[in-house]
Amino acid sequence: MRKPATGAVGVVRARHFHGDPTVGRRLERAGGHVRSPVTRQPVRNFNTLRDVFERYLLQISAVLFFLGTVGWCWLIFNEFRASWSAPAGSTYTASAKPDAGVGKSDEVGSSAYERIDGPLAVAAPYPSLLGTETPASVVAREWGRLERMPESGRALTKQIAKAPSLKPPLRMASLERTAPITAPLRPSLNTGAVTTMVDFATAPFPYHGAMPGSDRPFLNVAENGRLGHTNFRGHIFWESGTFSDDRVLLHIPPGFDPRRPAVMVVFFHGHGADLARDVRDRQRLPEQITASGANAVLVAPQFAFDAADSSSGKFWEPNGFKHFLDEAAVKLAKLYGDPRSAFTFAKMPIVIVAYSGGFGPTLSVLDRGGVGSRVRGLVLLDALYAGIDKFADWIARNRSTFFVSSYTPHTAYHNADLERLLRERSVPYDSDLRRNHLQGMVAFLPTGDISHRDFVTHAWAGNPVSDILSRMDDVDSKVLTARTASPLHTGSIAAARN
């Protein structure tokens, strides 16, 4: 037999050339080396996104959680920033002018604002301006005038720059600490109605900005130290008498409870209006809110005071209407007696009711108001004079809201144009109102030859605002005493609930 190799060279040769595995093991032991089996670990190549995700799952989850937390905190901060900026128990007070007379005051806010009732450059009060013309023609031409203002604005800007004394001093709002509230934080459900007018820092006027879409100032006339705005007829409305009223009409009906489903009605008045004389006393909006029996509040800002003008003022500015509603939430909460309820008012859905010339501010709010999803419904009371394409686009984009346009023969052709645009967008509409569940409904309600002046109290039904609220099934009804507390609880409203 051949002697097995025992040296180092023999061992190596045996490893590679022997045929019997036992011989190889004997040679390894003979050579003094014991070979251990080698276990090879697979090499992971991160060639796919899945491999990277599996390896760094914990780190990715942590980063996403952090970004989500920061995002939510930022959204919540922006939403309630206006409410936090006004401490509970504070009241807004506008800085007084040295020569101010008796100012306005109420239980919610006070200021040294004094309306100047001197003569305007308008030859006659609003009713006589109409003459033999229809309200529709007046409002329509006024709106067209806003879109083609004269170029004299640039010259006025240069004039003001050379003579700063022409520009009136800004009325800055300040906060004054009041005595702490010692009464119960919320009134009982059977408390009486509260109606008042309050100064707002975010009210549409005074407004010292430019016309929308241009660099022309809104106040485009200067004379003897006064600034004014020219309307579509060339008449001058001076700021001191027409565009200085920063009051807002607020109403909380008896039995209102912000903890239950509620709605905020925002009313935009028409031409020639005074909040006290027209909106409160003649059109009786607070009484209509109470008579509806709905868990609702009223917010009605003053636009041009007693003048034929549809200007939007601060509502022309991006998010101007949102800032206004944020301040309204604080003022309503204090009026209600529980400053903590400001968070509830700030989230409350809104229904916009626009009468006549109120269509102008409505278009501004829908275009750049910054409240989008809060708008639950839109009601036009003989107010479709312009912006038909914008209204059609808004209706088509917001199918879950409701839209109601009631009109006299003066604006019938504009409503027919809107119906045509909705058909082109495959949006269905009706000619009457459902008994309840208005959400998602579009209705056009002709009224025949009803006086335009009386349209807020007599349209398709007596007291149309009450009728709309009584048909909203997603807003709680209040106690019976609240619904019957007003003489406006008419048969048409009761029939709507049957």
Protein backbone atom coordinates (compact mmCIF):
# COMPACT_ATOMS: atom_id res chain seq x y z
CA MET A 1 0.00 0.00 0.00
CA ARG A 2 0.99 3.57 -0.56
CA LYS A 3 1.96 5.40 2.56
CA PRO A 4 -0.24 8.33 3.24
CA ALA A 5 1.33 11.76 3.14
CA THR A 6 1.74 13.30 6.53
CA GLY A 7 3.59 16.53 5.85
CA ALA A 8 2.14 19.96 5.28
CA VAL A 9 2.34 19.55 1.52
CA GLY A 10 0.66 16.21 1.73
CA VAL A 11 -2.13 17.58 3.79
CA VAL A 12 -2.86 20.28 1.26
CA ARG A 13 -2.71 17.78 -1.60
CA ALA A 14 -5.04 15.42 0.24
CA ARG A 15 -7.58 18.18 0.76
CA HIS A 16 -7.91 18.77 -2.96
CA PHE A 17 -7.40 15.40 -4.53
CA HIS A 18 -8.62 12.60 -2.25
CA GLY A 19 -11.84 10.79 -3.05
CA ASP A 20 -12.64 9.38 0.40
CA PRO A 21 -13.82 12.03 2.87
CA THR A 22 -12.60 9.96 5.80
CA VAL A 23 -9.10 10.03 4.47
CA GLY A 24 -9.22 13.81 4.28
CA ARG A 25 -10.31 14.01 7.92
CA ARG A 26 -7.53 11.65 8.99
CA LEU A 27 -4.95 13.70 7.13
CA GLU A 28 -6.16 16.89 8.80
CA ARG A 29 -5.84 15.34 12.23
CA ALA A 30 -2.44 13.96 11.30
CA GLY A 31 -1.25 17.36 10.22
CA GLY A 32 -2.27 18.88 13.54
CA HIS A 33 -5.05 21.04 12.14
CA VAL A 34 -8.73 20.71 12.97
CA ARG A 35 -10.93 22.59 10.49
CA SER A 36 -14.18 24.08 11.80
CA PRO A 37 -17.11 24.44 9.47
CA VAL A 38 -17.53 27.99 8.20
CA THR A 39 -21.03 29.51 8.27
CA ARG A 40 -21.42 32.33 5.76
CA GLN A 41 -23.88 35.16 6.61
CA PRO A 42 -25.88 36.41 3.65
CA VAL A 43 -24.96 39.92 2.57
CA ARG A 44 -27.99 42.25 2.44
CA ASN A 45 -28.00 44.65 -0.43
CA PHE A 46 -30.40 47.62 -0.04
CA ASN A 47 -31.33 47.68 -3.68
CA THR A 48 -35.08 48.34 -3.20
CA LEU A 49 -37.16 50.85 -1.29
CA ARG A 50 -38.69 48.01 0.65
CA ASP A 51 -35.29 46.96 2.07
CA VAL A 52 -34.60 50.52 3.21
CA PHE A 53 -38.08 50.82 4.74
CA GLU A 54 -37.70 47.53 6.67
CA ARG A 55 -34.33 48.54 8.08
CA TYR A 56 -35.31 52.09 9.06
CA LEU A 57 -38.98 51.51 9.98
CA LEU A 58 -38.61 52.83 13.52
CA GLN A 59 -36.82 56.01 12.45
CA ILE A 60 -39.33 56.74 9.68
CA SER A 61 -42.27 56.24 12.05
CA ALA A 62 -40.75 58.61 14.59
CA VAL A 63 -40.21 61.33 11.95
CA LEU A 64 -43.77 61.00 10.61
CA PHE A 65 -45.24 61.14 14.11
CA PHE A 66 -43.23 64.27 14.90
CA LEU A 67 -44.28 66.04 11.68
CA GLY A 68 -47.93 65.12 12.22
CA THR A 69 -47.88 66.43 15.79
CA VAL A 70 -46.29 69.73 14.73
CA GLY A 71 -48.79 70.12 11.89
CA TRP A 72 -51.83 69.60 14.11
CA CYS A 73 -50.49 71.98 16.73
CA TRP A 74 -49.91 74.63 14.07
CA LEU A 75 -53.47 74.26 12.68
CA ILE A 76 -55.01 74.49 16.15
CA PHE A 77 -52.87 77.53 16.98
CA ASN A 78 -53.93 79.38 13.81
CA GLU A 79 -57.59 78.52 14.32
CA PHE A 80 -57.84 79.90 17.84
CA ARG A 81 -55.16 82.57 17.72
CA ALA A 82 -57.71 85.37 17.53
CA SER A 83 -59.65 83.99 20.48
CA TRP A 84 -56.54 83.57 22.63
CA SER A 85 -55.45 87.11 21.85
CA ALA A 86 -58.45 88.51 23.74
CA PRO A 87 -58.31 87.53 27.42
CA ALA A 88 -61.54 86.59 29.11
CA GLY A 89 -63.11 89.50 30.88
CA SER A 90 -61.61 92.10 28.54
CA THR A 91 -63.49 94.62 26.46
CA TYR A 92 -62.43 96.32 23.26
CA THR A 93 -62.17 100.07 23.44
CA ALA A 94 -61.21 102.27 20.52
CA SER A 95 -58.85 105.11 21.25
CA ALA A 96 -60.67 108.37 21.70
CA LYS A 97 -60.14 111.40 19.54
CA PRO A 98 -59.37 114.62 21.44
CA ASP A 99 -62.50 116.32 20.15
CA ALA A 100 -64.81 113.32 20.40
CA GLY A 101 -68.23 113.90 21.80
CA VAL A 102 -70.53 111.41 23.43
CA GLY A 103 -69.47 108.00 22.23
CA LYS A 104 -71.20 104.67 21.85
CA SER A 105 -71.40 102.23 24.67
CA ASP A 106 -73.00 98.92 25.53
CA GLU A 107 -72.48 96.02 27.87
CA VAL A 108 -70.00 94.31 25.53
CA GLY A 109 -67.88 97.02 23.97
CA SER A 110 -67.47 100.76 24.05
CA SER A 111 -65.61 103.41 22.08
CA ALA A 112 -65.36 107.13 21.56
CA TYR A 113 -66.66 106.80 18.02
CA GLU A 114 -69.02 109.61 17.13
CA ARG A 115 -71.00 109.49 13.91
CA ILE A 116 -70.82 112.70 11.91
CA ASP A 117 -74.30 113.46 10.65
CA GLY A 118 -73.30 116.45 8.56
CA PRO A 119 -74.47 116.86 4.94
CA LEU A 120 -72.99 114.49 2.39
CA ALA A 121 -72.16 115.32 -1.19
CA VAL A 122 -75.20 113.30 -2.24
CA ALA A 123 -78.00 115.51 -3.46
CA ALA A 124 -80.78 113.51 -1.80
CA PRO A 125 -81.25 110.59 0.59
CA TYR A 126 -81.27 107.06 -0.76
CA PRO A 127 -84.99 106.58 -1.53
CA SER A 128 -85.07 109.61 -3.81
CA LEU A 129 -81.94 108.45 -5.60
CA LEU A 130 -83.99 105.70 -7.18
CA GLY A 131 -86.39 108.04 -8.92
CA THR A 132 -88.19 106.12 -11.62
CA GLU A 133 -85.46 103.48 -11.81
CA THR A 134 -85.74 100.02 -10.34
CA PRO A 135 -83.55 98.93 -7.44
CA ALA A 136 -82.05 96.34 -9.74
CA SER A 137 -80.72 98.88 -12.22
CA VAL A 138 -79.28 101.04 -9.44
CA VAL A 139 -77.42 98.18 -7.78
CA ALA A 140 -76.21 96.66 -11.04
CA ARG A 141 -74.71 99.91 -12.35
CA GLU A 142 -73.15 100.63 -8.97
CA TRP A 143 -71.39 97.27 -9.04
CA GLY A 144 -70.13 97.91 -12.56
CA ARG A 145 -68.75 101.21 -11.36
CA LEU A 146 -66.68 99.43 -8.71
CA GLU A 147 -64.97 97.37 -11.41
CA ARG A 148 -63.94 100.37 -13.51
CA MET A 149 -62.95 103.08 -11.05
CA PRO A 150 -61.29 106.18 -12.59
CA GLU A 151 -57.55 106.44 -12.73
CA SER A 152 -57.64 109.52 -10.49
CA GLY A 153 -56.78 107.23 -7.58
CA ARG A 154 -53.07 107.22 -8.41
CA ALA A 155 -53.01 111.01 -8.40
CA LEU A 156 -54.73 111.02 -5.01
CA THR A 157 -52.14 108.62 -3.63
CA LYS A 158 -49.38 111.01 -4.63
CA GLN A 159 -51.36 113.92 -3.17
CA ILE A 160 -51.69 112.16 0.19
CA ALA A 161 -47.97 111.33 0.16
CA LYS A 162 -47.18 115.04 -0.24
CA ALA A 163 -49.76 116.12 2.35
CA PRO A 164 -50.00 113.44 5.10
CA SER A 165 -52.51 115.57 6.98
CA LEU A 166 -55.18 114.55 4.46
CA LYS A 167 -55.16 110.99 5.73
CA PRO A 168 -57.31 110.60 8.88
CA PRO A 169 -55.68 109.08 11.93
CA LEU A 170 -56.16 105.35 12.33
CA ARG A 171 -58.34 104.29 15.24
CA MET A 172 -56.30 101.70 17.04
CA ALA A 173 -58.00 99.15 19.25
CA SER A 174 -56.71 98.52 22.75
CA LEU A 175 -57.58 96.08 25.49
CA GLU A 176 -58.65 97.24 28.91
CA ARG A 177 -58.95 94.84 31.80
CA THR A 178 -62.39 94.83 33.38
CA ALA A 179 -63.63 93.47 36.64
CA PRO A 180 -63.84 89.69 36.83
CA ILE A 181 -67.18 88.07 36.10
CA THR A 182 -68.88 87.06 39.32
CA ALA A 183 -72.18 85.92 37.80
CA PRO A 184 -72.70 82.28 36.78
CA LEU A 185 -70.70 81.40 33.69
CA ARG A 186 -73.76 80.59 31.61
CA PRO A 187 -77.32 81.86 31.86
CA SER A 188 -80.29 79.60 32.23
CA LEU A 189 -81.97 78.30 29.07
CA ASN A 190 -85.02 80.48 29.70
CA THR A 191 -83.13 83.76 29.85
CA GLY A 192 -84.44 86.64 27.76
CA ALA A 193 -83.13 87.64 24.36
CA VAL A 194 -80.07 89.90 24.18
CA THR A 195 -79.71 92.35 21.27
CA THR A 196 -76.97 94.96 21.09
CA MET A 197 -74.60 96.76 18.74
CA VAL A 198 -70.89 96.39 19.37
CA ASP A 199 -67.75 98.03 17.96
CA PHE A 200 -65.54 95.65 15.97
CA ALA A 201 -61.88 96.20 15.11
CA THR A 202 -62.39 93.89 12.11
CA ALA A 203 -65.65 95.46 10.87
CA PRO A 204 -65.82 96.22 7.13
CA PHE A 205 -65.29 99.93 7.77
CA PRO A 206 -63.32 102.13 8.25
CA TYR A 207 -61.22 100.90 5.33
CA HIS A 208 -58.07 102.64 4.07
CA GLY A 209 -56.90 100.03 1.59
CA ALA A 210 -57.04 99.75 -2.18
CA MET A 211 -59.77 98.62 -4.51
CA PRO A 212 -59.57 94.88 -5.16
CA GLY A 213 -57.31 93.88 -8.02
CA SER A 214 -55.72 97.34 -8.38
CA ASP A 215 -53.49 99.85 -6.63
CA ARG A 216 -56.19 102.53 -6.62
CA PRO A 217 -57.23 103.65 -3.13
CA PHE A 218 -60.82 103.14 -2.08
CA LEU A 219 -60.96 106.69 -0.74
CA ASN A 220 -60.26 108.39 -4.06
CA VAL A 221 -61.40 111.97 -3.38
CA ALA A 222 -59.71 114.56 -1.18
CA GLU A 223 -61.23 117.93 -0.35
CA ASN A 224 -60.62 120.36 2.53
CA GLY A 225 -58.86 117.74 4.61
CA ARG A 226 -61.55 115.12 4.04
CA LEU A 227 -61.38 111.84 2.16
CA GLY A 228 -64.26 110.31 0.26
CA HIS A 229 -65.34 107.68 -2.23
CA THR A 230 -67.20 108.30 -5.49
CA ASN A 231 -70.10 106.01 -6.33
CA PHE A 232 -71.32 104.93 -9.77
CA ARG A 233 -73.21 108.20 -10.29
CA GLY A 234 -70.19 110.33 -9.46
CA HIS A 235 -71.60 111.32 -6.06
CA ILE A 236 -69.12 111.58 -3.23
CA PHE A 237 -69.63 109.74 0.03
CA TRP A 238 -67.33 111.15 2.67
CA GLU A 239 -65.63 108.70 4.98
CA SER A 240 -66.72 110.56 8.11
CA GLY A 241 -70.42 110.08 7.39
CA THR A 242 -70.60 106.88 5.33
CA PHE A 243 -67.57 104.65 5.91
CA SER A 244 -66.72 105.12 9.59
CA ASP A 245 -69.34 103.05 11.39
CA ASP A 246 -67.62 99.96 12.83
CA ARG A 247 -70.64 98.62 14.70
CA VAL A 248 -72.08 95.11 14.38
CA LEU A 249 -75.57 94.03 15.42
CA LEU A 250 -75.49 90.92 17.64
CA HIS A 251 -78.49 88.94 18.82
CA ILE A 252 -78.75 85.88 21.07
CA PRO A 253 -82.32 84.55 21.41
CA PRO A 254 -83.80 83.22 24.64
CA GLY A 255 -82.97 79.60 25.32
CA PHE A 256 -79.87 79.57 23.11
CA ASP A 257 -77.38 76.87 24.12
CA PRO A 258 -73.97 76.74 22.36
CA ARG A 259 -73.43 73.18 23.59
CA ARG A 260 -76.17 71.93 21.26
CA PRO A 261 -76.12 71.98 17.42
CA ALA A 262 -76.36 75.65 16.45
CA VAL A 263 -75.87 77.98 13.50
CA MET A 264 -74.69 81.57 13.09
CA VAL A 265 -76.74 83.72 10.70
CA VAL A 266 -74.62 86.45 9.08
CA PHE A 267 -76.77 89.14 7.45
CA PHE A 268 -75.49 91.53 4.76
CA HIS A 269 -77.84 94.50 4.37
CA GLY A 270 -78.55 96.40 1.16
CA HIS A 271 -78.30 100.03 0.11
CA GLY A 272 -79.44 102.91 2.26
CA ALA A 273 -79.35 100.90 5.49
CA ASP A 274 -78.78 101.72 9.13
CA LEU A 275 -78.42 98.72 11.44
CA ALA A 276 -80.72 100.14 14.09
CA ARG A 277 -83.36 101.77 11.89
CA ASP A 278 -83.56 99.13 9.15
CA VAL A 279 -82.03 95.77 10.10
CA ARG A 280 -83.18 95.74 13.72
CA ASP A 281 -86.44 97.74 13.69
CA ARG A 282 -87.87 97.60 10.14
CA GLN A 283 -86.64 94.22 8.84
CA ARG A 284 -86.78 92.77 12.38
CA LEU A 285 -83.94 90.31 11.94
CA PRO A 286 -83.47 89.66 15.70
CA GLU A 287 -87.18 88.88 16.07
CA GLN A 288 -87.05 86.55 13.06
CA ILE A 289 -84.17 84.61 14.63
CA THR A 290 -86.09 84.24 17.88
CA ALA A 291 -89.34 83.34 16.14
CA SER A 292 -87.73 80.51 14.17
CA GLY A 293 -87.23 78.47 17.33
CA ALA A 294 -83.80 77.45 16.03
CA ASN A 295 -80.66 77.36 18.13
CA ALA A 296 -79.16 80.27 16.21
CA VAL A 297 -77.50 83.66 16.71
CA LEU A 298 -77.38 86.75 14.49
CA VAL A 299 -74.33 88.73 13.35
CA ALA A 300 -74.99 91.73 11.05
CA PRO A 301 -72.14 94.15 10.21
CA GLN A 302 -72.68 97.73 9.08
CA PHE A 303 -71.41 98.46 5.57
CA ALA A 304 -71.92 101.86 3.90
CA PHE A 305 -74.09 103.85 6.29
CA ASP A 306 -77.38 104.96 4.68
CA ALA A 307 -75.85 105.15 1.20
CA ALA A 308 -76.24 103.55 -2.25
CA ASP A 309 -73.00 101.60 -2.13
CA SER A 310 -72.05 97.89 -2.13
CA SER A 311 -68.41 98.19 -1.08
CA SER A 312 -67.00 95.36 1.04
CA GLY A 313 -64.25 97.23 2.90
CA LYS A 314 -62.05 94.90 4.93
CA PHE A 315 -63.93 91.92 3.50
CA TRP A 316 -62.06 92.59 0.26
CA GLU A 317 -58.87 91.54 2.04
CA PRO A 318 -57.80 87.86 2.05
CA ASN A 319 -59.18 86.18 5.21
CA GLY A 320 -60.82 89.46 6.21
CA PHE A 321 -64.14 87.72 6.86
CA LYS A 322 -62.41 84.98 8.88
CA HIS A 323 -60.84 87.58 11.16
CA PHE A 324 -64.26 89.18 11.55
CA LEU A 325 -65.83 85.86 12.60
CA ASP A 326 -62.99 85.22 15.06
CA GLU A 327 -63.74 88.53 16.77
CA ALA A 328 -67.48 87.81 16.63
CA ALA A 329 -66.85 84.54 18.51
CA VAL A 330 -65.20 86.43 21.37
CA LYS A 331 -67.92 89.11 21.50
CA LEU A 332 -70.78 86.57 21.38
CA ALA A 333 -69.19 84.47 24.11
CA LYS A 334 -68.97 87.49 26.39
CA LEU A 335 -72.53 88.53 25.53
CA TYR A 336 -73.68 85.00 26.34
CA GLY A 337 -71.91 85.17 29.70
CA ASP A 338 -69.30 82.43 29.22
CA PRO A 339 -66.00 83.56 27.66
CA ARG A 340 -64.95 79.92 27.36
CA SER A 341 -67.68 79.34 24.77
CA ALA A 342 -65.70 81.47 22.28
CA PHE A 343 -64.15 78.23 21.00
CA THR A 344 -67.63 76.90 20.21
CA PHE A 345 -68.73 80.09 18.46
CA ALA A 346 -65.49 80.07 16.44
CA LYS A 347 -66.37 76.63 15.00
CA MET A 348 -70.09 77.23 14.52
CA PRO A 349 -71.41 76.74 10.95
CA ILE A 350 -72.77 79.87 9.29
CA VAL A 351 -75.62 80.73 6.94
CA ILE A 352 -75.10 83.91 4.90
CA VAL A 353 -78.25 85.90 4.13
CA ALA A 354 -77.71 88.71 1.61
CA TYR A 355 -80.35 91.28 0.74
CA SER A 356 -80.21 93.48 -2.38
CA GLY A 357 -76.83 95.27 -2.49
CA GLY A 358 -75.48 92.77 0.04
CA PHE A 359 -74.51 90.60 -2.93
CA GLY A 360 -71.23 92.58 -3.22
CA PRO A 361 -69.82 91.59 0.19
CA THR A 362 -71.17 88.06 -0.38
CA LEU A 363 -69.07 87.65 -3.52
CA SER A 364 -65.99 88.91 -1.66
CA VAL A 365 -66.58 86.46 1.18
CA LEU A 366 -67.05 83.48 -1.13
CA ASP A 367 -63.96 84.44 -3.12
CA ARG A 368 -61.42 85.24 -0.41
CA GLY A 369 -63.15 85.14 2.98
CA GLY A 370 -61.13 82.19 4.28
CA VAL A 371 -64.05 80.36 5.92
CA GLY A 372 -64.82 77.78 3.18
CA SER A 373 -66.19 74.74 4.98
CA ARG A 374 -68.04 76.76 7.67
CA VAL A 375 -70.59 78.09 5.19
CA ARG A 376 -73.62 75.81 5.57
CA GLY A 377 -75.94 77.73 3.26
CA LEU A 378 -76.44 80.87 1.20
CA VAL A 379 -79.72 82.81 0.88
CA LEU A 380 -80.13 85.67 -1.62
CA LEU A 381 -83.12 87.94 -1.03
CA ASP A 382 -83.63 89.71 -4.38
CA ALA A 383 -79.85 90.06 -4.48
CA LEU A 384 -78.67 88.38 -7.70
CA TYR A 385 -77.42 91.44 -9.59
CA ALA A 386 -73.91 90.39 -10.65
CA GLY A 387 -71.27 87.69 -10.21
CA ILE A 388 -73.52 85.00 -11.69
CA ASP A 389 -70.54 82.91 -12.87
CA LYS A 390 -69.00 83.04 -9.38
CA PHE A 391 -72.23 81.94 -7.73
CA ALA A 392 -72.56 79.06 -10.21
CA ASP A 393 -68.98 77.92 -9.54
CA TRP A 394 -69.50 78.08 -5.78
CA ILE A 395 -72.71 76.04 -5.95
CA ALA A 396 -71.08 73.40 -8.19
CA ARG A 397 -68.08 73.07 -5.84
CA ASN A 398 -70.13 72.91 -2.63
CA ARG A 399 -72.78 70.26 -3.26
CA SER A 400 -73.35 69.58 0.45
CA THR A 401 -74.47 73.17 1.19
CA PHE A 402 -77.82 74.72 0.29
CA PHE A 403 -78.49 77.72 -1.96
CA VAL A 404 -81.75 79.68 -2.10
CA SER A 405 -82.42 82.66 -4.37
CA SER A 406 -85.77 84.39 -4.05
CA TYR A 407 -86.44 87.26 -6.40
CA THR A 408 -88.83 89.87 -7.77
CA PRO A 409 -89.41 90.41 -11.53
CA HIS A 410 -86.58 92.97 -11.50
CA THR A 411 -83.91 90.24 -11.12
CA ALA A 412 -85.75 87.34 -12.80
CA TYR A 413 -83.49 87.33 -15.87
CA HIS A 414 -80.35 87.07 -13.73
CA ASN A 415 -81.81 84.08 -11.92
CA ALA A 416 -82.67 82.50 -15.29
CA ASP A 417 -79.02 82.94 -16.32
CA LEU A 418 -77.86 81.21 -13.14
CA GLU A 419 -80.26 78.32 -13.74
CA ARG A 420 -78.79 77.89 -17.23
CA LEU A 421 -75.22 77.80 -15.88
CA LEU A 422 -76.22 75.18 -13.31
CA ARG A 423 -77.75 73.01 -16.03
CA GLU A 424 -74.47 73.19 -17.92
CA ARG A 425 -72.70 72.00 -14.76
CA SER A 426 -75.24 69.20 -14.20
CA VAL A 427 -76.41 70.73 -10.91
CA PRO A 428 -80.10 69.98 -10.19
CA TYR A 429 -82.34 72.71 -8.76
CA ASP A 430 -85.95 73.10 -7.69
CA SER A 431 -88.67 75.74 -7.52
CA ASP A 432 -89.76 75.16 -3.92
CA LEU A 433 -88.23 74.29 -0.57
CA ARG A 434 -88.23 70.93 1.12
CA ARG A 435 -89.98 70.77 4.45
CA ASN A 436 -86.68 69.90 6.12
CA HIS A 437 -83.14 68.82 5.32
CA LEU A 438 -82.07 71.72 3.13
CA GLN A 439 -78.51 70.44 2.80
CA GLY A 440 -77.55 69.83 -0.82
CA MET A 441 -80.59 71.68 -2.15
CA VAL A 442 -80.65 74.48 -4.74
CA ALA A 443 -83.93 76.40 -5.02
CA PHE A 444 -85.13 79.41 -7.02
CA LEU A 445 -88.23 81.04 -5.54
CA PRO A 446 -90.00 83.73 -7.60
CA THR A 447 -92.32 85.89 -5.55
CA GLY A 448 -94.22 87.98 -8.07
CA ASP A 449 -94.72 91.69 -7.63
CA ILE A 450 -93.64 92.05 -4.00
CA SER A 451 -92.04 95.32 -2.94
CA HIS A 452 -88.25 95.14 -3.01
CA ARG A 453 -88.10 97.30 0.10
CA ASP A 454 -90.17 94.79 2.09
CA PHE A 455 -88.45 91.68 0.79
CA VAL A 456 -86.68 90.79 4.06
CA THR A 457 -90.06 90.46 5.81
CA HIS A 458 -92.25 89.36 2.86
CA ALA A 459 -90.77 87.06 0.21
CA TRP A 460 -91.85 83.49 -0.61
CA ALA A 461 -93.16 83.43 2.98
CA GLY A 462 -93.67 85.88 5.79
CA ASN A 463 -90.35 86.41 7.56
CA PRO A 464 -88.20 84.33 5.16
CA VAL A 465 -85.17 84.11 7.47
CA SER A 466 -87.33 82.46 10.11
CA ASP A 467 -88.70 80.10 7.48
CA ILE A 468 -85.21 79.01 6.39
CA LEU A 469 -84.08 78.31 9.96
CA SER A 470 -87.25 76.38 10.78
CA ARG A 471 -86.51 74.00 7.87
CA MET A 472 -82.95 73.17 8.96
CA ASP A 473 -83.16 69.77 10.64
CA ASP A 474 -79.46 69.78 11.60
CA VAL A 475 -79.97 72.71 14.03
CA ASP A 476 -81.63 72.02 17.38
CA SER A 477 -84.95 73.60 18.23
CA LYS A 478 -84.99 75.45 21.52
CA VAL A 479 -87.55 75.33 24.30
CA LEU A 480 -91.10 76.29 23.40
CA THR A 481 -90.94 79.56 25.31
CA ALA A 482 -88.14 80.74 23.04
CA ARG A 483 -90.11 80.03 19.89
CA THR A 484 -93.28 81.71 21.11
CA ALA A 485 -91.56 84.70 22.70
CA SER A 486 -91.77 86.71 19.48
CA PRO A 487 -94.91 87.93 17.70
CA LEU A 488 -93.30 86.92 14.41
CA HIS A 489 -94.01 83.23 14.94
CA THR A 490 -96.43 83.14 12.03
CA GLY A 491 -98.52 80.37 10.56
CA SER A 492 -96.08 79.85 7.67
CA ILE A 493 -93.35 78.93 10.13
CA ALA A 494 -95.55 76.59 12.08
CA ALA A 495 -96.65 74.92 8.85
CA ALA A 496 -93.04 74.35 7.87
CA ARG A 497 -92.52 72.27 11.00
CA ASN A 498 -95.66 70.13 10.54
